[in-house]
Amino acid sequence: MQCRDILTRLLAFDTVSSKPNVDLMQYVQDLLTAAGVASVLIPGIGGKANLYATVGPADVGGVMLSGHTDVVPVEGQAWTKPA
């Protein structure tokens, strides 16, 4: 799979914070699995999930990266144009 195809698919997920993210997390987990990366999908509440992945040896120190997959909805915001 090409990088452009992956990005196109990632951008197609509706990631508004009020909606479930399990489909996105499963897609990313599938990509990691295909690349030989071990990961665990951790179910949450309301169709939410976290994904924990380990790359490299487990017996030495490493680096932890943390991120999020959601965006804040624009409905109900007080602004009408960019600042």
C-alpha atoms as a PDB file:
ATOM      1  CA  MET A   1       0.000   0.000   0.000  1.00  0.00           C
ATOM      2  CA  GLN A   2       1.312   3.421  -0.939  1.00  0.00           C
ATOM      3  CA  CYS A   3       1.663   6.305   1.529  1.00  0.00           C
ATOM      4  CA  ARG A   4      -0.878   8.347  -0.440  1.00  0.00           C
ATOM      5  CA  ASP A   5      -3.436   5.532  -0.190  1.00  0.00           C
ATOM      6  CA  ILE A   6      -2.923   5.283   3.566  1.00  0.00           C
ATOM      7  CA  LEU A   7      -3.265   9.049   4.047  1.00  0.00           C
ATOM      8  CA  THR A   8      -6.388   9.143   1.869  1.00  0.00           C
ATOM      9  CA  ARG A   9      -7.961   6.408   3.991  1.00  0.00           C
ATOM     10  CA  LEU A  10      -6.937   8.067   7.275  1.00  0.00           C
ATOM     11  CA  LEU A  11      -8.421  11.398   6.185  1.00  0.00           C
ATOM     12  CA  ALA A  12     -11.685   9.681   5.241  1.00  0.00           C
ATOM     13  CA  PHE A  13     -12.429   8.673   8.846  1.00  0.00           C
ATOM     14  CA  ASP A  14     -14.896  10.954  10.664  1.00  0.00           C
ATOM     15  CA  THR A  15     -12.812  11.791  13.734  1.00  0.00           C
ATOM     16  CA  VAL A  16     -15.064  14.324  15.476  1.00  0.00           C
ATOM     17  CA  SER A  17     -14.576  13.768  19.214  1.00  0.00           C
ATOM     18  CA  SER A  18     -18.240  12.965  19.877  1.00  0.00           C
ATOM     19  CA  LYS A  19     -18.107   9.914  17.575  1.00  0.00           C
ATOM     20  CA  PRO A  20     -16.561   6.443  17.971  1.00  0.00           C
ATOM     21  CA  ASN A  21     -12.983   5.889  16.798  1.00  0.00           C
ATOM     22  CA  VAL A  22     -12.813   2.077  16.859  1.00  0.00           C
ATOM     23  CA  ASP A  23     -12.818   1.744  13.052  1.00  0.00           C
ATOM     24  CA  LEU A  24      -9.863   4.126  12.775  1.00  0.00           C
ATOM     25  CA  MET A  25      -7.976   2.367  15.559  1.00  0.00           C
ATOM     26  CA  GLN A  26      -8.600  -1.021  13.925  1.00  0.00           C
ATOM     27  CA  TYR A  27      -7.326   0.309  10.591  1.00  0.00           C
ATOM     28  CA  VAL A  28      -4.129   1.608  12.201  1.00  0.00           C
ATOM     29  CA  GLN A  29      -3.689  -1.665  14.077  1.00  0.00           C
ATOM     30  CA  ASP A  30      -4.036  -3.567  10.792  1.00  0.00           C
ATOM     31  CA  LEU A  31      -1.325  -1.363   9.247  1.00  0.00           C
ATOM     32  CA  LEU A  32       0.956  -1.982  12.217  1.00  0.00           C
ATOM     33  CA  THR A  33       0.345  -5.729  12.085  1.00  0.00           C
ATOM     34  CA  ALA A  34       1.190  -5.780   8.371  1.00  0.00           C
ATOM     35  CA  ALA A  35       4.465  -4.006   9.213  1.00  0.00           C
ATOM     36  CA  GLY A  36       5.291  -6.564  11.916  1.00  0.00           C
ATOM     37  CA  VAL A  37       4.547  -4.247  14.842  1.00  0.00           C
ATOM     38  CA  ALA A  38       2.902  -5.740  17.923  1.00  0.00           C
ATOM     39  CA  SER A  39      -0.087  -3.772  19.210  1.00  0.00           C
ATOM     40  CA  VAL A  40      -3.065  -4.066  21.530  1.00  0.00           C
ATOM     41  CA  LEU A  41      -6.454  -2.443  20.946  1.00  0.00           C
ATOM     42  CA  ILE A  42      -7.826  -1.310  24.306  1.00  0.00           C
ATOM     43  CA  PRO A  43     -11.629  -0.859  24.260  1.00  0.00           C
ATOM     44  CA  GLY A  44     -13.107   2.190  25.933  1.00  0.00           C
ATOM     45  CA  ILE A  45     -16.565   3.621  26.490  1.00  0.00           C
ATOM     46  CA  GLY A  46     -18.917   4.790  23.731  1.00  0.00           C
ATOM     47  CA  GLY A  47     -17.135   3.134  20.840  1.00  0.00           C
ATOM     48  CA  LYS A  48     -13.803   4.681  21.734  1.00  0.00           C
ATOM     49  CA  ALA A  49     -10.536   2.769  21.853  1.00  0.00           C
ATOM     50  CA  ASN A  50      -6.851   3.278  22.499  1.00  0.00           C
ATOM     51  CA  LEU A  51      -4.045   1.570  20.644  1.00  0.00           C
ATOM     52  CA  TYR A  52      -0.839   0.521  22.366  1.00  0.00           C
ATOM     53  CA  ALA A  53       2.039  -0.533  20.111  1.00  0.00           C
ATOM     54  CA  THR A  54       5.577  -1.662  20.856  1.00  0.00           C
ATOM     55  CA  VAL A  55       8.395  -1.317  18.346  1.00  0.00           C
ATOM     56  CA  GLY A  56      11.810  -2.831  18.970  1.00  0.00           C
ATOM     57  CA  PRO A  57      13.209  -4.793  21.914  1.00  0.00           C
ATOM     58  CA  ALA A  58      11.167  -4.850  25.106  1.00  0.00           C
ATOM     59  CA  ASP A  59      14.168  -5.332  27.407  1.00  0.00           C
ATOM     60  CA  VAL A  60      15.827  -1.909  26.998  1.00  0.00           C
ATOM     61  CA  GLY A  61      14.724   1.682  27.540  1.00  0.00           C
ATOM     62  CA  GLY A  62      12.884   3.478  24.808  1.00  0.00           C
ATOM     63  CA  VAL A  63      10.727   6.402  23.847  1.00  0.00           C
ATOM     64  CA  MET A  64       6.986   6.721  24.344  1.00  0.00           C
ATOM     65  CA  LEU A  65       4.906   8.618  21.817  1.00  0.00           C
ATOM     66  CA  SER A  66       1.350   9.630  22.612  1.00  0.00           C
ATOM     67  CA  GLY A  67      -1.222  11.277  20.390  1.00  0.00           C
ATOM     68  CA  HIS A  68      -4.921  11.620  19.719  1.00  0.00           C
ATOM     69  CA  THR A  69      -7.134  10.892  16.742  1.00  0.00           C
ATOM     70  CA  ASP A  70     -10.041  13.270  17.270  1.00  0.00           C
ATOM     71  CA  VAL A  71     -10.940  16.825  16.344  1.00  0.00           C
ATOM     72  CA  VAL A  72     -13.295  19.224  18.130  1.00  0.00           C
ATOM     73  CA  PRO A  73     -16.658  19.796  16.409  1.00  0.00           C
ATOM     74  CA  VAL A  74     -17.254  23.278  15.008  1.00  0.00           C
ATOM     75  CA  GLU A  75     -20.948  23.342  15.887  1.00  0.00           C
ATOM     76  CA  GLY A  76     -21.722  25.659  18.801  1.00  0.00           C
ATOM     77  CA  GLN A  77     -18.447  27.587  18.579  1.00  0.00           C
ATOM     78  CA  ALA A  78     -18.598  31.355  19.119  1.00  0.00           C
ATOM     79  CA  TRP A  79     -16.313  32.323  16.214  1.00  0.00           C
ATOM     80  CA  THR A  80     -17.400  32.959  12.636  1.00  0.00           C
ATOM     81  CA  LYS A  81     -14.017  33.328  10.893  1.00  0.00           C
ATOM     82  CA  PRO A  82     -10.332  32.691  11.668  1.00  0.00           C
ATOM     83  CA  ALA A  83      -8.687  35.148  14.062  1.00  0.00           C
END
